[in-house]
N, C-alpha and C. Protein backbone atom coordinates (compact mmCIF):
# COMPACT_ATOMS: atom_id res chain seq x y z
N UNK A 1 18.96 -21.48 29.03
CA UNK A 1 18.79 -21.36 27.32
C UNK A 1 18.88 -22.73 27.03
N UNK A 2 18.53 -23.06 25.78
CA UNK A 2 17.82 -24.05 25.29
C UNK A 2 18.54 -24.32 23.77
N UNK A 3 19.49 -25.17 23.43
CA UNK A 3 19.64 -24.88 22.14
C UNK A 3 19.53 -26.46 21.56
N UNK A 4 19.00 -25.86 19.85
CA UNK A 4 18.63 -27.23 19.11
C UNK A 4 19.33 -26.69 17.87
N UNK A 5 20.39 -28.09 17.17
CA UNK A 5 20.75 -28.13 15.91
C UNK A 5 20.19 -28.91 14.88
N UNK A 6 19.76 -28.47 13.92
CA UNK A 6 19.04 -29.07 12.96
C UNK A 6 19.46 -28.60 11.67
N UNK A 7 19.17 -29.45 10.45
CA UNK A 7 18.93 -29.18 9.26
C UNK A 7 17.66 -28.78 8.58
N UNK A 8 17.15 -28.10 8.22
CA UNK A 8 15.87 -27.30 7.55
C UNK A 8 16.54 -27.94 5.99
N UNK A 9 15.20 -28.01 4.90
CA UNK A 9 15.27 -28.22 3.70
C UNK A 9 15.66 -27.11 2.95
N UNK A 10 15.24 -26.29 3.24
CA UNK A 10 15.53 -24.80 2.56
C UNK A 10 15.69 -23.53 3.32
N UNK A 11 16.84 -22.79 3.39
CA UNK A 11 16.69 -21.53 4.25
C UNK A 11 17.12 -20.24 3.43
N UNK A 12 16.63 -20.38 1.42
CA UNK A 12 17.04 -19.18 0.98
C UNK A 12 18.26 -19.54 0.59
N UNK A 13 18.70 -18.36 -0.53
CA UNK A 13 20.13 -18.35 -1.16
C UNK A 13 19.87 -18.34 -2.44
N UNK A 14 20.82 -18.79 -3.35
CA UNK A 14 21.11 -18.85 -4.86
C UNK A 14 20.72 -20.21 -5.50
N UNK A 15 20.83 -21.42 -4.56
CA UNK A 15 20.11 -22.46 -5.01
C UNK A 15 19.48 -23.10 -3.74
N UNK A 16 18.45 -23.66 -4.77
CA UNK A 16 17.46 -24.81 -3.22
C UNK A 16 18.42 -25.79 -2.61
N UNK A 17 18.25 -25.82 -1.57
CA UNK A 17 18.97 -26.65 -0.64
C UNK A 17 20.54 -25.52 0.11
N UNK A 18 20.34 -24.55 -0.08
CA UNK A 18 21.59 -23.63 0.39
C UNK A 18 22.78 -24.34 0.04
N UNK A 19 23.94 -23.13 0.32
CA UNK A 19 25.16 -23.53 0.43
C UNK A 19 26.12 -24.27 -0.80
N UNK A 20 25.43 -23.18 -2.12
CA UNK A 20 26.31 -23.09 -3.29
C UNK A 20 27.99 -23.29 -3.56
N UNK A 21 28.58 -23.83 -4.33
CA UNK A 21 29.85 -23.98 -4.14
C UNK A 21 30.47 -22.52 -4.28
N UNK A 22 29.80 -21.76 -5.68
CA UNK A 22 30.27 -20.47 -5.92
C UNK A 22 30.16 -19.33 -5.19
N UNK A 23 29.55 -19.65 -4.16
CA UNK A 23 28.82 -18.14 -3.52
C UNK A 23 30.20 -17.15 -2.88
N UNK A 24 29.70 -15.82 -3.20
CA UNK A 24 30.61 -15.24 -2.73
C UNK A 24 30.04 -13.72 -1.73
N UNK A 25 28.89 -14.45 -1.19
CA UNK A 25 28.59 -13.87 0.22
C UNK A 25 27.64 -14.69 0.84
N UNK A 26 27.78 -14.33 1.89
CA UNK A 26 27.44 -15.60 2.69
C UNK A 26 25.67 -15.70 2.83
N UNK A 27 24.74 -14.60 2.34
CA UNK A 27 23.62 -14.78 2.07
C UNK A 27 23.40 -15.25 0.65
N UNK A 28 24.24 -15.46 -0.26
CA UNK A 28 23.93 -16.63 -1.61
C UNK A 28 23.67 -18.02 -0.69
N UNK A 29 24.45 -18.15 0.20
CA UNK A 29 24.53 -19.49 0.89
C UNK A 29 23.22 -19.65 1.61
N UNK A 30 22.13 -18.89 1.80
CA UNK A 30 21.12 -18.66 2.77
C UNK A 30 20.97 -17.91 4.18
N UNK A 31 19.76 -17.71 4.90
CA UNK A 31 19.69 -17.00 5.80
C UNK A 31 20.79 -16.77 6.38
N UNK A 32 21.33 -15.74 7.07
CA UNK A 32 22.01 -15.75 8.15
C UNK A 32 21.41 -16.06 9.61
N UNK A 33 21.71 -17.06 10.46
CA UNK A 33 20.54 -16.99 11.53
C UNK A 33 21.78 -16.71 12.93
N UNK A 34 21.71 -16.16 13.56
CA UNK A 34 22.30 -15.47 15.09
C UNK A 34 20.77 -15.80 15.85
N UNK A 35 21.68 -15.41 16.90
CA UNK A 35 20.61 -15.80 18.39
C UNK A 35 19.54 -14.99 18.31
N UNK A 36 18.62 -15.88 18.40
CA UNK A 36 17.43 -15.15 18.42
C UNK A 36 16.41 -16.08 19.00
N UNK A 37 15.40 -15.66 20.01
CA UNK A 37 14.27 -15.95 20.52
C UNK A 37 12.98 -16.91 19.70
N UNK A 38 13.28 -17.97 19.76
CA UNK A 38 11.82 -18.46 18.90
C UNK A 38 10.70 -18.28 19.33
N UNK A 39 10.66 -18.72 20.38
CA UNK A 39 9.55 -17.96 21.47
C UNK A 39 9.69 -16.97 22.51
N UNK A 40 8.66 -16.16 22.64
CA UNK A 40 8.87 -15.15 23.77
C UNK A 40 7.89 -14.55 24.57
N UNK A 41 7.56 -14.78 25.85
CA UNK A 41 6.38 -14.66 26.55
C UNK A 41 5.85 -15.43 26.14
N UNK A 42 5.57 -16.75 25.64
CA UNK A 42 4.70 -18.09 25.21
C UNK A 42 4.36 -17.80 24.07
N UNK A 43 4.96 -16.77 23.32
CA UNK A 43 4.08 -16.49 21.52
C UNK A 43 5.52 -16.90 20.73
N UNK A 44 4.97 -17.81 19.54
CA UNK A 44 6.31 -17.99 18.53
C UNK A 44 6.13 -17.07 17.74
N UNK A 45 7.54 -16.63 17.65
CA UNK A 45 8.06 -15.26 16.95
C UNK A 45 8.24 -15.94 15.33
N UNK A 46 6.99 -15.90 15.00
CA UNK A 46 6.88 -16.19 13.61
C UNK A 46 6.96 -15.11 12.40
N UNK A 47 6.59 -14.00 13.08
CA UNK A 47 7.27 -12.81 12.13
C UNK A 47 8.50 -12.68 12.04
N UNK A 48 9.12 -12.47 13.29
CA UNK A 48 10.56 -12.27 12.96
C UNK A 48 11.42 -13.50 12.46
N UNK A 49 10.80 -14.82 12.76
CA UNK A 49 11.64 -15.88 11.71
C UNK A 49 11.34 -15.91 10.34
N UNK A 50 10.39 -15.52 9.97
CA UNK A 50 9.80 -15.08 8.52
C UNK A 50 10.73 -14.27 7.73
N UNK A 51 10.64 -12.99 8.46
CA UNK A 51 11.93 -12.22 7.94
C UNK A 51 13.16 -12.43 7.98
N UNK A 52 13.61 -13.18 8.87
CA UNK A 52 15.06 -13.80 8.67
C UNK A 52 15.09 -15.07 7.57
N UNK A 53 14.15 -15.50 7.33
CA UNK A 53 14.31 -16.58 6.30
C UNK A 53 13.97 -16.09 4.91
N UNK A 54 13.45 -15.19 4.76
CA UNK A 54 13.22 -14.16 3.49
C UNK A 54 14.25 -13.49 3.15
N UNK A 55 15.31 -13.11 3.95
CA UNK A 55 16.40 -11.88 3.71
C UNK A 55 16.84 -12.22 2.90
N UNK A 56 17.41 -13.65 2.17
CA UNK A 56 18.21 -13.73 1.31
C UNK A 56 17.70 -13.45 -0.41
N UNK A 57 16.44 -12.85 -0.13
CA UNK A 57 16.19 -12.53 -1.21
C UNK A 57 16.38 -11.03 -1.90
N UNK A 58 17.08 -10.32 -0.73
CA UNK A 58 17.13 -8.99 -1.10
C UNK A 58 18.82 -8.92 -1.91
N UNK A 59 19.83 -10.19 -1.96
CA UNK A 59 20.46 -10.28 -2.65
C UNK A 59 20.36 -11.10 -4.45
N UNK A 60 20.60 -9.65 -5.62
CA UNK A 60 20.42 -10.27 -6.92
C UNK A 60 20.52 -11.65 -6.99
N UNK A 61 19.80 -12.43 -7.92
CA UNK A 61 19.92 -13.77 -8.06
C UNK A 61 19.94 -14.92 -7.26
N UNK A 62 19.09 -14.90 -6.01
CA UNK A 62 18.75 -15.42 -4.58
C UNK A 62 17.65 -15.62 -4.55
N UNK A 63 16.66 -16.13 -3.54
CA UNK A 63 15.70 -16.37 -3.07
C UNK A 63 15.62 -16.67 -1.61
N UNK A 64 14.27 -16.13 -1.12
CA UNK A 64 14.17 -16.33 0.21
C UNK A 64 13.98 -17.92 0.49
N UNK A 65 13.49 -18.46 1.68
CA UNK A 65 13.09 -19.77 1.85
C UNK A 65 12.15 -20.27 0.79
N UNK A 66 12.21 -21.19 0.02
CA UNK A 66 11.48 -21.92 -0.60
C UNK A 66 10.00 -22.92 -0.64
N UNK A 67 10.50 -22.99 1.01
CA UNK A 67 9.48 -24.02 1.27
C UNK A 67 8.87 -23.31 3.03
N UNK A 68 8.91 -22.03 3.12
CA UNK A 68 8.52 -21.22 4.54
C UNK A 68 7.64 -22.19 5.00
N UNK A 69 6.17 -22.68 4.65
CA UNK A 69 5.34 -23.23 5.42
C UNK A 69 6.09 -24.40 6.18
N UNK A 70 6.68 -25.27 5.15
CA UNK A 70 7.23 -26.53 5.84
C UNK A 70 8.46 -25.87 6.79
N UNK A 71 9.54 -25.33 6.70
CA UNK A 71 10.11 -24.80 7.57
C UNK A 71 9.71 -24.30 9.36
N UNK A 72 8.66 -23.25 8.75
CA UNK A 72 7.94 -23.05 10.15
C UNK A 72 7.19 -24.11 10.68
N UNK A 73 6.77 -25.19 10.23
CA UNK A 73 6.04 -26.36 10.80
C UNK A 73 6.77 -26.94 11.64
N UNK A 74 8.23 -27.28 10.79
CA UNK A 74 9.14 -28.09 11.55
C UNK A 74 9.61 -27.18 12.95
N UNK A 75 9.60 -25.87 12.95
CA UNK A 75 10.43 -25.01 13.78
C UNK A 75 9.21 -25.39 15.10
N UNK A 76 7.54 -25.03 14.66
CA UNK A 76 7.03 -25.39 15.83
C UNK A 76 6.77 -26.42 16.35
N UNK A 77 7.25 -27.95 15.62
CA UNK A 77 7.16 -28.94 16.06
C UNK A 77 8.48 -29.10 17.04
N UNK A 78 9.53 -28.46 16.67
CA UNK A 78 10.91 -28.69 17.50
C UNK A 78 10.58 -27.79 18.88
N UNK A 79 10.40 -26.93 18.76
CA UNK A 79 9.60 -26.29 20.05
C UNK A 79 8.58 -27.26 20.57
């Protein structure tokens, strides 16, 4: 297994850039990222990653990833 720690410009939440000080739930800070395979069987899991990054939009007053194409491109480059 390989791990990569990185900061991405936006993962959704109540404010651009994520992690506002007034958060009362984790999704208000942005996407909750648990262990998952970015690539499985040689295929980049774009659908699963997109679903994960857009999940904060389910919380009233929050948005999903505002820069999704940029974040997906960054993840492709990291892999």
